[in-house]
């Protein structure tokens, strides 16, 4: 390693910059200013990649899903054009919500996850949680540091996906916790909700008509609602051991 290479390595470490292959980075014929610009662009790209990686780690998102993988021919209650419009994520800037309602296995979580990854890649902070886990975290925030950390991260998130709303019944006190959470996020953070229950069924699993009305009032105030229908995709495309 030459003296100049040793100096660059030392300065890179002291400035906490990512080491780069400078011989490949700086092409012949570049002016000094162009070399500086090339260096800074490379460092910025690395910083953005690290930031995205950190946001992904903190999001607790399931494996990535894309629109290319979604069968719009099978699920005709929503169009590709509608979803493409939502992938620009401008609705997050205005704290709009999105709700995917429908029976199990019609693609609700797939589409919610797709939007979450689009938002993440555009620089938004994202969180993913099932309603069951969210309620557990709300109940244990005072005694469990991990729950408190997650709730604090939700408050800083631009987008929160709450999955499987209505999958399990909740107690009256748990419904109150959910109401307070939705109220705290109202018009500040975008929520994407997936639920296997229609609105008329929400009072059944929440156990209280007044709380249900209050929650839905806040969720649907600024909201795009997709009522998805059809048979379950997994059941129709199940894989057999003997095939």
C-alpha atoms as a PDB file:
ATOM      1  CA  UNK A   1       0.000   0.000   0.000  1.00  0.00           C
ATOM      2  CA  UNK A   2       1.407   3.361  -1.052  1.00  0.00           C
ATOM      3  CA  UNK A   3       1.783   6.312   1.286  1.00  0.00           C
ATOM      4  CA  UNK A   4      -1.190   8.120  -0.241  1.00  0.00           C
ATOM      5  CA  UNK A   5      -3.338   4.980   0.060  1.00  0.00           C
ATOM      6  CA  UNK A   6      -2.381   4.674   3.739  1.00  0.00           C
ATOM      7  CA  UNK A   7      -3.317   8.309   4.296  1.00  0.00           C
ATOM      8  CA  UNK A   8      -6.687   7.857   2.572  1.00  0.00           C
ATOM      9  CA  UNK A   9      -7.402   4.742   4.654  1.00  0.00           C
ATOM     10  CA  UNK A  10      -6.576   6.620   7.876  1.00  0.00           C
ATOM     11  CA  UNK A  11      -8.697   9.635   6.954  1.00  0.00           C
ATOM     12  CA  UNK A  12     -11.585   7.392   5.921  1.00  0.00           C
ATOM     13  CA  UNK A  13     -11.492   5.681   9.321  1.00  0.00           C
ATOM     14  CA  UNK A  14     -11.270   8.944  11.268  1.00  0.00           C
ATOM     15  CA  UNK A  15     -14.185  10.441   9.323  1.00  0.00           C
ATOM     16  CA  UNK A  16     -16.161   7.201   9.770  1.00  0.00           C
ATOM     17  CA  UNK A  17     -16.589   6.828   6.031  1.00  0.00           C
ATOM     18  CA  UNK A  18     -17.080   3.556   4.211  1.00  0.00           C
ATOM     19  CA  UNK A  19     -13.868   2.242   2.592  1.00  0.00           C
ATOM     20  CA  UNK A  20     -14.034   2.287  -1.203  1.00  0.00           C
ATOM     21  CA  UNK A  21     -11.938   0.979  -4.073  1.00  0.00           C
ATOM     22  CA  UNK A  22     -10.517   4.339  -5.047  1.00  0.00           C
ATOM     23  CA  UNK A  23      -8.602   3.030  -8.045  1.00  0.00           C
ATOM     24  CA  UNK A  24     -11.920   1.939  -9.592  1.00  0.00           C
ATOM     25  CA  UNK A  25     -13.824   4.985  -8.367  1.00  0.00           C
ATOM     26  CA  UNK A  26     -11.565   7.650  -9.825  1.00  0.00           C
ATOM     27  CA  UNK A  27     -11.331   7.219 -13.567  1.00  0.00           C
ATOM     28  CA  UNK A  28      -8.593   8.769 -15.668  1.00  0.00           C
ATOM     29  CA  UNK A  29      -9.363  12.191 -17.074  1.00  0.00           C
ATOM     30  CA  UNK A  30     -11.431  13.441 -14.126  1.00  0.00           C
ATOM     31  CA  UNK A  31     -10.722  16.943 -12.904  1.00  0.00           C
ATOM     32  CA  UNK A  32     -10.054  17.409  -9.167  1.00  0.00           C
ATOM     33  CA  UNK A  33     -13.588  18.753  -8.645  1.00  0.00           C
ATOM     34  CA  UNK A  34     -15.098  15.847 -10.589  1.00  0.00           C
ATOM     35  CA  UNK A  35     -13.095  13.430  -8.432  1.00  0.00           C
ATOM     36  CA  UNK A  36     -14.448  15.056  -5.262  1.00  0.00           C
ATOM     37  CA  UNK A  37     -18.001  14.888  -6.658  1.00  0.00           C
ATOM     38  CA  UNK A  38     -17.573  11.215  -7.561  1.00  0.00           C
ATOM     39  CA  UNK A  39     -16.281  10.455  -4.076  1.00  0.00           C
ATOM     40  CA  UNK A  40     -19.129  12.292  -2.343  1.00  0.00           C
ATOM     41  CA  UNK A  41     -21.761  10.644  -4.556  1.00  0.00           C
ATOM     42  CA  UNK A  42     -20.356   7.212  -3.714  1.00  0.00           C
ATOM     43  CA  UNK A  43     -20.356   7.980   0.014  1.00  0.00           C
ATOM     44  CA  UNK A  44     -23.925   9.303  -0.166  1.00  0.00           C
ATOM     45  CA  UNK A  45     -25.092   6.161  -1.966  1.00  0.00           C
ATOM     46  CA  UNK A  46     -23.499   4.004   0.734  1.00  0.00           C
ATOM     47  CA  UNK A  47     -25.059   6.111   3.492  1.00  0.00           C
ATOM     48  CA  UNK A  48     -28.520   5.848   1.916  1.00  0.00           C
ATOM     49  CA  UNK A  49     -28.121   2.082   1.533  1.00  0.00           C
ATOM     50  CA  UNK A  50     -27.146   1.732   5.208  1.00  0.00           C
ATOM     51  CA  UNK A  51     -30.065   3.927   6.273  1.00  0.00           C
ATOM     52  CA  UNK A  52     -32.513   1.866   4.217  1.00  0.00           C
ATOM     53  CA  UNK A  53     -31.078  -1.334   5.667  1.00  0.00           C
ATOM     54  CA  UNK A  54     -31.537   0.033   9.198  1.00  0.00           C
ATOM     55  CA  UNK A  55     -35.119   1.144   8.502  1.00  0.00           C
ATOM     56  CA  UNK A  56     -35.884  -2.312   7.105  1.00  0.00           C
ATOM     57  CA  UNK A  57     -34.467  -3.986  10.198  1.00  0.00           C
ATOM     58  CA  UNK A  58     -36.548  -1.790  12.491  1.00  0.00           C
ATOM     59  CA  UNK A  59     -39.730  -2.187  10.439  1.00  0.00           C
ATOM     60  CA  UNK A  60     -40.264  -5.900  11.205  1.00  0.00           C
ATOM     61  CA  UNK A  61     -41.650  -6.295   7.696  1.00  0.00           C
ATOM     62  CA  UNK A  62     -42.343  -9.801   6.385  1.00  0.00           C
ATOM     63  CA  UNK A  63     -40.510 -10.972   3.230  1.00  0.00           C
ATOM     64  CA  UNK A  64     -40.807  -8.565   0.314  1.00  0.00           C
ATOM     65  CA  UNK A  65     -43.830  -8.699  -1.984  1.00  0.00           C
ATOM     66  CA  UNK A  66     -44.265  -6.904  -5.306  1.00  0.00           C
ATOM     67  CA  UNK A  67     -47.101  -6.040  -7.666  1.00  0.00           C
ATOM     68  CA  UNK A  68     -45.528  -8.280 -10.305  1.00  0.00           C
ATOM     69  CA  UNK A  69     -46.176 -11.249  -8.028  1.00  0.00           C
ATOM     70  CA  UNK A  70     -49.822 -10.332  -7.424  1.00  0.00           C
ATOM     71  CA  UNK A  71     -52.469 -12.058  -9.545  1.00  0.00           C
ATOM     72  CA  UNK A  72     -54.873  -9.279 -10.509  1.00  0.00           C
ATOM     73  CA  UNK A  73     -56.683 -11.761 -12.744  1.00  0.00           C
ATOM     74  CA  UNK A  74     -57.554 -13.795  -9.666  1.00  0.00           C
ATOM     75  CA  UNK A  75     -58.431 -10.770  -7.505  1.00  0.00           C
ATOM     76  CA  UNK A  76     -60.669  -8.579  -9.667  1.00  0.00           C
ATOM     77  CA  UNK A  77     -61.973  -6.321  -6.898  1.00  0.00           C
ATOM     78  CA  UNK A  78     -58.830  -4.202  -7.168  1.00  0.00           C
ATOM     79  CA  UNK A  79     -56.905  -3.126 -10.259  1.00  0.00           C
ATOM     80  CA  UNK A  80     -53.220  -2.859 -11.004  1.00  0.00           C
ATOM     81  CA  UNK A  81     -53.735   0.768 -12.019  1.00  0.00           C
ATOM     82  CA  UNK A  82     -55.130   1.589  -8.584  1.00  0.00           C
ATOM     83  CA  UNK A  83     -52.163   0.013  -6.849  1.00  0.00           C
ATOM     84  CA  UNK A  84     -49.645   1.678  -9.159  1.00  0.00           C
ATOM     85  CA  UNK A  85     -51.087   5.070  -8.231  1.00  0.00           C
ATOM     86  CA  UNK A  86     -50.594   4.245  -4.559  1.00  0.00           C
ATOM     87  CA  UNK A  87     -46.957   3.213  -5.007  1.00  0.00           C
ATOM     88  CA  UNK A  88     -45.916   6.849  -5.433  1.00  0.00           C
ATOM     89  CA  UNK A  89     -46.596   7.106  -1.663  1.00  0.00           C
ATOM     90  CA  UNK A  90     -47.758  10.735  -1.865  1.00  0.00           C
ATOM     91  CA  UNK A  91     -50.735   9.763   0.306  1.00  0.00           C
ATOM     92  CA  UNK A  92     -48.315   9.191   3.201  1.00  0.00           C
ATOM     93  CA  UNK A  93     -47.329  12.869   3.140  1.00  0.00           C
ATOM     94  CA  UNK A  94     -50.985  13.745   3.775  1.00  0.00           C
ATOM     95  CA  UNK A  95     -51.461  11.049   6.458  1.00  0.00           C
ATOM     96  CA  UNK A  96     -54.083   9.145   4.468  1.00  0.00           C
ATOM     97  CA  UNK A  97     -55.003   5.621   5.543  1.00  0.00           C
ATOM     98  CA  UNK A  98     -55.637   2.519   3.445  1.00  0.00           C
ATOM     99  CA  UNK A  99     -57.827  -0.415   4.430  1.00  0.00           C
ATOM    100  CA  UNK A 100     -57.869  -3.834   2.779  1.00  0.00           C
ATOM    101  CA  UNK A 101     -60.970  -5.761   3.852  1.00  0.00           C
ATOM    102  CA  UNK A 102     -61.926  -9.281   2.825  1.00  0.00           C
ATOM    103  CA  UNK A 103     -61.858 -12.989   3.637  1.00  0.00           C
ATOM    104  CA  UNK A 104     -58.599 -14.841   4.325  1.00  0.00           C
ATOM    105  CA  UNK A 105     -56.076 -15.408   1.548  1.00  0.00           C
ATOM    106  CA  UNK A 106     -57.337 -12.866  -0.989  1.00  0.00           C
ATOM    107  CA  UNK A 107     -54.099 -10.840  -0.996  1.00  0.00           C
ATOM    108  CA  UNK A 108     -54.648  -8.199   1.689  1.00  0.00           C
ATOM    109  CA  UNK A 109     -51.289  -8.629   3.423  1.00  0.00           C
ATOM    110  CA  UNK A 110     -49.511  -9.034   0.068  1.00  0.00           C
ATOM    111  CA  UNK A 111     -50.699  -5.608  -1.096  1.00  0.00           C
ATOM    112  CA  UNK A 112     -50.066  -3.984   2.283  1.00  0.00           C
ATOM    113  CA  UNK A 113     -46.524  -5.363   2.304  1.00  0.00           C
ATOM    114  CA  UNK A 114     -45.951  -4.163  -1.256  1.00  0.00           C
ATOM    115  CA  UNK A 115     -46.887  -0.610  -0.284  1.00  0.00           C
ATOM    116  CA  UNK A 116     -44.701  -0.837   2.812  1.00  0.00           C
ATOM    117  CA  UNK A 117     -41.601  -1.761   0.788  1.00  0.00           C
ATOM    118  CA  UNK A 118     -42.331   0.962  -1.767  1.00  0.00           C
ATOM    119  CA  UNK A 119     -42.506   3.491   1.069  1.00  0.00           C
ATOM    120  CA  UNK A 120     -39.326   2.161   2.663  1.00  0.00           C
ATOM    121  CA  UNK A 121     -37.394   2.464  -0.582  1.00  0.00           C
ATOM    122  CA  UNK A 122     -38.622   6.046  -0.986  1.00  0.00           C
ATOM    123  CA  UNK A 123     -37.161   7.020   2.369  1.00  0.00           C
ATOM    124  CA  UNK A 124     -40.182   6.700   4.655  1.00  0.00           C
ATOM    125  CA  UNK A 125     -39.931   4.999   8.035  1.00  0.00           C
ATOM    126  CA  UNK A 126     -42.255   1.990   8.206  1.00  0.00           C
ATOM    127  CA  UNK A 127     -43.511  -0.367  10.901  1.00  0.00           C
ATOM    128  CA  UNK A 128     -45.372  -3.660  10.539  1.00  0.00           C
ATOM    129  CA  UNK A 129     -47.315  -5.290  13.375  1.00  0.00           C
ATOM    130  CA  UNK A 130     -50.312  -7.573  13.828  1.00  0.00           C
ATOM    131  CA  UNK A 131     -53.139  -6.246  15.974  1.00  0.00           C
ATOM    132  CA  UNK A 132     -52.530  -9.059  18.461  1.00  0.00           C
ATOM    133  CA  UNK A 133     -48.863  -8.038  18.880  1.00  0.00           C
ATOM    134  CA  UNK A 134     -49.751  -4.345  19.014  1.00  0.00           C
ATOM    135  CA  UNK A 135     -52.197  -4.905  21.862  1.00  0.00           C
ATOM    136  CA  UNK A 136     -49.644  -7.012  23.720  1.00  0.00           C
ATOM    137  CA  UNK A 137     -47.094  -4.213  23.369  1.00  0.00           C
ATOM    138  CA  UNK A 138     -49.610  -1.611  24.539  1.00  0.00           C
ATOM    139  CA  UNK A 139     -50.464  -3.724  27.590  1.00  0.00           C
ATOM    140  CA  UNK A 140     -46.836  -4.320  28.576  1.00  0.00           C
ATOM    141  CA  UNK A 141     -45.293  -0.936  27.718  1.00  0.00           C
ATOM    142  CA  UNK A 142     -44.849   0.005  31.377  1.00  0.00           C
ATOM    143  CA  UNK A 143     -43.055  -3.204  32.357  1.00  0.00           C
ATOM    144  CA  UNK A 144     -41.344  -4.423  29.172  1.00  0.00           C
ATOM    145  CA  UNK A 145     -38.588  -2.206  27.709  1.00  0.00           C
ATOM    146  CA  UNK A 146     -38.872  -3.955  24.329  1.00  0.00           C
ATOM    147  CA  UNK A 147     -42.570  -3.045  24.085  1.00  0.00           C
ATOM    148  CA  UNK A 148     -41.852   0.562  25.013  1.00  0.00           C
ATOM    149  CA  UNK A 149     -39.123   0.771  22.351  1.00  0.00           C
ATOM    150  CA  UNK A 150     -41.466  -0.564  19.671  1.00  0.00           C
ATOM    151  CA  UNK A 151     -44.221   1.873  20.616  1.00  0.00           C
ATOM    152  CA  UNK A 152     -41.749   4.762  20.534  1.00  0.00           C
ATOM    153  CA  UNK A 153     -40.666   3.688  17.057  1.00  0.00           C
ATOM    154  CA  UNK A 154     -44.292   3.576  15.902  1.00  0.00           C
ATOM    155  CA  UNK A 155     -44.658   7.206  16.987  1.00  0.00           C
ATOM    156  CA  UNK A 156     -41.727   8.127  14.727  1.00  0.00           C
ATOM    157  CA  UNK A 157     -42.948   6.065  11.769  1.00  0.00           C
ATOM    158  CA  UNK A 158     -44.442   7.626   8.651  1.00  0.00           C
ATOM    159  CA  UNK A 159     -46.426   4.472   7.909  1.00  0.00           C
ATOM    160  CA  UNK A 160     -47.705   1.664  10.135  1.00  0.00           C
ATOM    161  CA  UNK A 161     -49.203  -1.549   8.771  1.00  0.00           C
ATOM    162  CA  UNK A 162     -51.574  -3.174  11.264  1.00  0.00           C
ATOM    163  CA  UNK A 163     -52.229  -6.700  10.053  1.00  0.00           C
ATOM    164  CA  UNK A 164     -54.915  -9.243  10.958  1.00  0.00           C
ATOM    165  CA  UNK A 165     -57.375  -6.829  12.552  1.00  0.00           C
ATOM    166  CA  UNK A 166     -60.342  -8.923  13.645  1.00  0.00           C
ATOM    167  CA  UNK A 167     -58.509 -12.225  13.458  1.00  0.00           C
ATOM    168  CA  UNK A 168     -58.900 -12.661  17.222  1.00  0.00           C
ATOM    169  CA  UNK A 169     -61.494 -11.099  19.558  1.00  0.00           C
ATOM    170  CA  UNK A 170     -60.289  -8.510  22.058  1.00  0.00           C
ATOM    171  CA  UNK A 171     -61.456  -7.511  25.519  1.00  0.00           C
ATOM    172  CA  UNK A 172     -63.053  -4.158  26.285  1.00  0.00           C
ATOM    173  CA  UNK A 173     -59.848  -2.847  27.874  1.00  0.00           C
ATOM    174  CA  UNK A 174     -57.825  -3.997  24.841  1.00  0.00           C
ATOM    175  CA  UNK A 175     -60.291  -2.256  22.510  1.00  0.00           C
ATOM    176  CA  UNK A 176     -59.764   0.920  24.529  1.00  0.00           C
ATOM    177  CA  UNK A 177     -55.993   0.603  24.101  1.00  0.00           C
ATOM    178  CA  UNK A 178     -56.442   0.183  20.345  1.00  0.00           C
ATOM    179  CA  UNK A 179     -58.711   3.242  20.253  1.00  0.00           C
ATOM    180  CA  UNK A 180     -56.139   5.364  22.072  1.00  0.00           C
ATOM    181  CA  UNK A 181     -53.411   4.190  19.694  1.00  0.00           C
ATOM    182  CA  UNK A 182     -55.477   5.024  16.597  1.00  0.00           C
ATOM    183  CA  UNK A 183     -56.354   8.409  18.108  1.00  0.00           C
ATOM    184  CA  UNK A 184     -52.677   9.167  18.762  1.00  0.00           C
ATOM    185  CA  UNK A 185     -51.804   8.372  15.133  1.00  0.00           C
ATOM    186  CA  UNK A 186     -54.819  10.198  13.651  1.00  0.00           C
ATOM    187  CA  UNK A 187     -53.769  12.659  10.916  1.00  0.00           C
ATOM    188  CA  UNK A 188     -50.123  12.285  11.943  1.00  0.00           C
ATOM    189  CA  UNK A 189     -49.178   8.829  10.672  1.00  0.00           C
ATOM    190  CA  UNK A 190     -50.611   6.795   7.801  1.00  0.00           C
ATOM    191  CA  UNK A 191     -52.114   3.455   8.763  1.00  0.00           C
ATOM    192  CA  UNK A 192     -52.633   0.506   6.442  1.00  0.00           C
ATOM    193  CA  UNK A 193     -55.143  -1.900   7.949  1.00  0.00           C
ATOM    194  CA  UNK A 194     -55.840  -5.453   6.823  1.00  0.00           C
ATOM    195  CA  UNK A 195     -58.953  -7.123   8.203  1.00  0.00           C
ATOM    196  CA  UNK A 196     -61.046 -10.193   7.465  1.00  0.00           C
ATOM    197  CA  UNK A 197     -64.076  -8.416   8.923  1.00  0.00           C
ATOM    198  CA  UNK A 198     -66.469  -6.003   7.233  1.00  0.00           C
ATOM    199  CA  UNK A 199     -67.218  -2.789   9.117  1.00  0.00           C
ATOM    200  CA  UNK A 200     -70.541  -4.217  10.295  1.00  0.00           C
ATOM    201  CA  UNK A 201     -68.604  -7.006  12.047  1.00  0.00           C
ATOM    202  CA  UNK A 202     -66.075  -4.839  13.876  1.00  0.00           C
ATOM    203  CA  UNK A 203     -68.295  -4.297  16.907  1.00  0.00           C
ATOM    204  CA  UNK A 204     -68.447  -8.067  17.267  1.00  0.00           C
ATOM    205  CA  UNK A 205     -64.721  -8.592  17.801  1.00  0.00           C
ATOM    206  CA  UNK A 206     -64.114  -5.250  19.543  1.00  0.00           C
ATOM    207  CA  UNK A 207     -67.033  -5.878  21.889  1.00  0.00           C
ATOM    208  CA  UNK A 208     -68.274  -2.294  22.089  1.00  0.00           C
ATOM    209  CA  UNK A 209     -70.334  -0.310  19.579  1.00  0.00           C
ATOM    210  CA  UNK A 210     -69.210   3.087  20.883  1.00  0.00           C
ATOM    211  CA  UNK A 211     -65.491   2.245  20.725  1.00  0.00           C
ATOM    212  CA  UNK A 212     -65.961   0.674  17.292  1.00  0.00           C
ATOM    213  CA  UNK A 213     -67.640   3.814  15.957  1.00  0.00           C
ATOM    214  CA  UNK A 214     -64.892   6.006  17.414  1.00  0.00           C
ATOM    215  CA  UNK A 215     -62.107   3.866  15.907  1.00  0.00           C
ATOM    216  CA  UNK A 216     -63.704   3.645  12.458  1.00  0.00           C
ATOM    217  CA  UNK A 217     -64.517   7.358  12.496  1.00  0.00           C
ATOM    218  CA  UNK A 218     -60.801   8.135  12.774  1.00  0.00           C
ATOM    219  CA  UNK A 219     -59.634   5.442  10.366  1.00  0.00           C
ATOM    220  CA  UNK A 220     -61.991   6.267   7.486  1.00  0.00           C
ATOM    221  CA  UNK A 221     -61.841  10.080   7.769  1.00  0.00           C
ATOM    222  CA  UNK A 222     -59.019  10.206   5.204  1.00  0.00           C
ATOM    223  CA  UNK A 223     -58.919   6.714   3.782  1.00  0.00           C
ATOM    224  CA  UNK A 224     -58.942   4.555   0.658  1.00  0.00           C
ATOM    225  CA  UNK A 225     -60.990   1.406   1.298  1.00  0.00           C
ATOM    226  CA  UNK A 226     -60.683  -1.781  -0.751  1.00  0.00           C
ATOM    227  CA  UNK A 227     -63.324  -4.458  -0.239  1.00  0.00           C
ATOM    228  CA  UNK A 228     -61.667  -7.580  -1.607  1.00  0.00           C
ATOM    229  CA  UNK A 229     -63.639 -10.709  -2.394  1.00  0.00           C
ATOM    230  CA  UNK A 230     -63.299 -14.178  -3.856  1.00  0.00           C
ATOM    231  CA  UNK A 231     -62.044 -17.582  -2.820  1.00  0.00           C
ATOM    232  CA  UNK A 232     -58.758 -17.922  -0.981  1.00  0.00           C
ATOM    233  CA  UNK A 233     -55.742 -17.844  -3.314  1.00  0.00           C
ATOM    234  CA  UNK A 234     -53.801 -20.408  -1.294  1.00  0.00           C
ATOM    235  CA  UNK A 235     -56.682 -22.876  -1.276  1.00  0.00           C
ATOM    236  CA  UNK A 236     -57.172 -22.594  -5.024  1.00  0.00           C
ATOM    237  CA  UNK A 237     -53.431 -22.910  -5.699  1.00  0.00           C
ATOM    238  CA  UNK A 238     -52.603 -25.392  -2.975  1.00  0.00           C
ATOM    239  CA  UNK A 239     -49.655 -27.697  -3.560  1.00  0.00           C
ATOM    240  CA  UNK A 240     -50.088 -31.409  -3.081  1.00  0.00           C
ATOM    241  CA  UNK A 241     -47.368 -33.804  -1.956  1.00  0.00           C
ATOM    242  CA  UNK A 242     -48.543 -36.307  -4.566  1.00  0.00           C
ATOM    243  CA  UNK A 243     -48.739 -33.938  -7.553  1.00  0.00           C
END
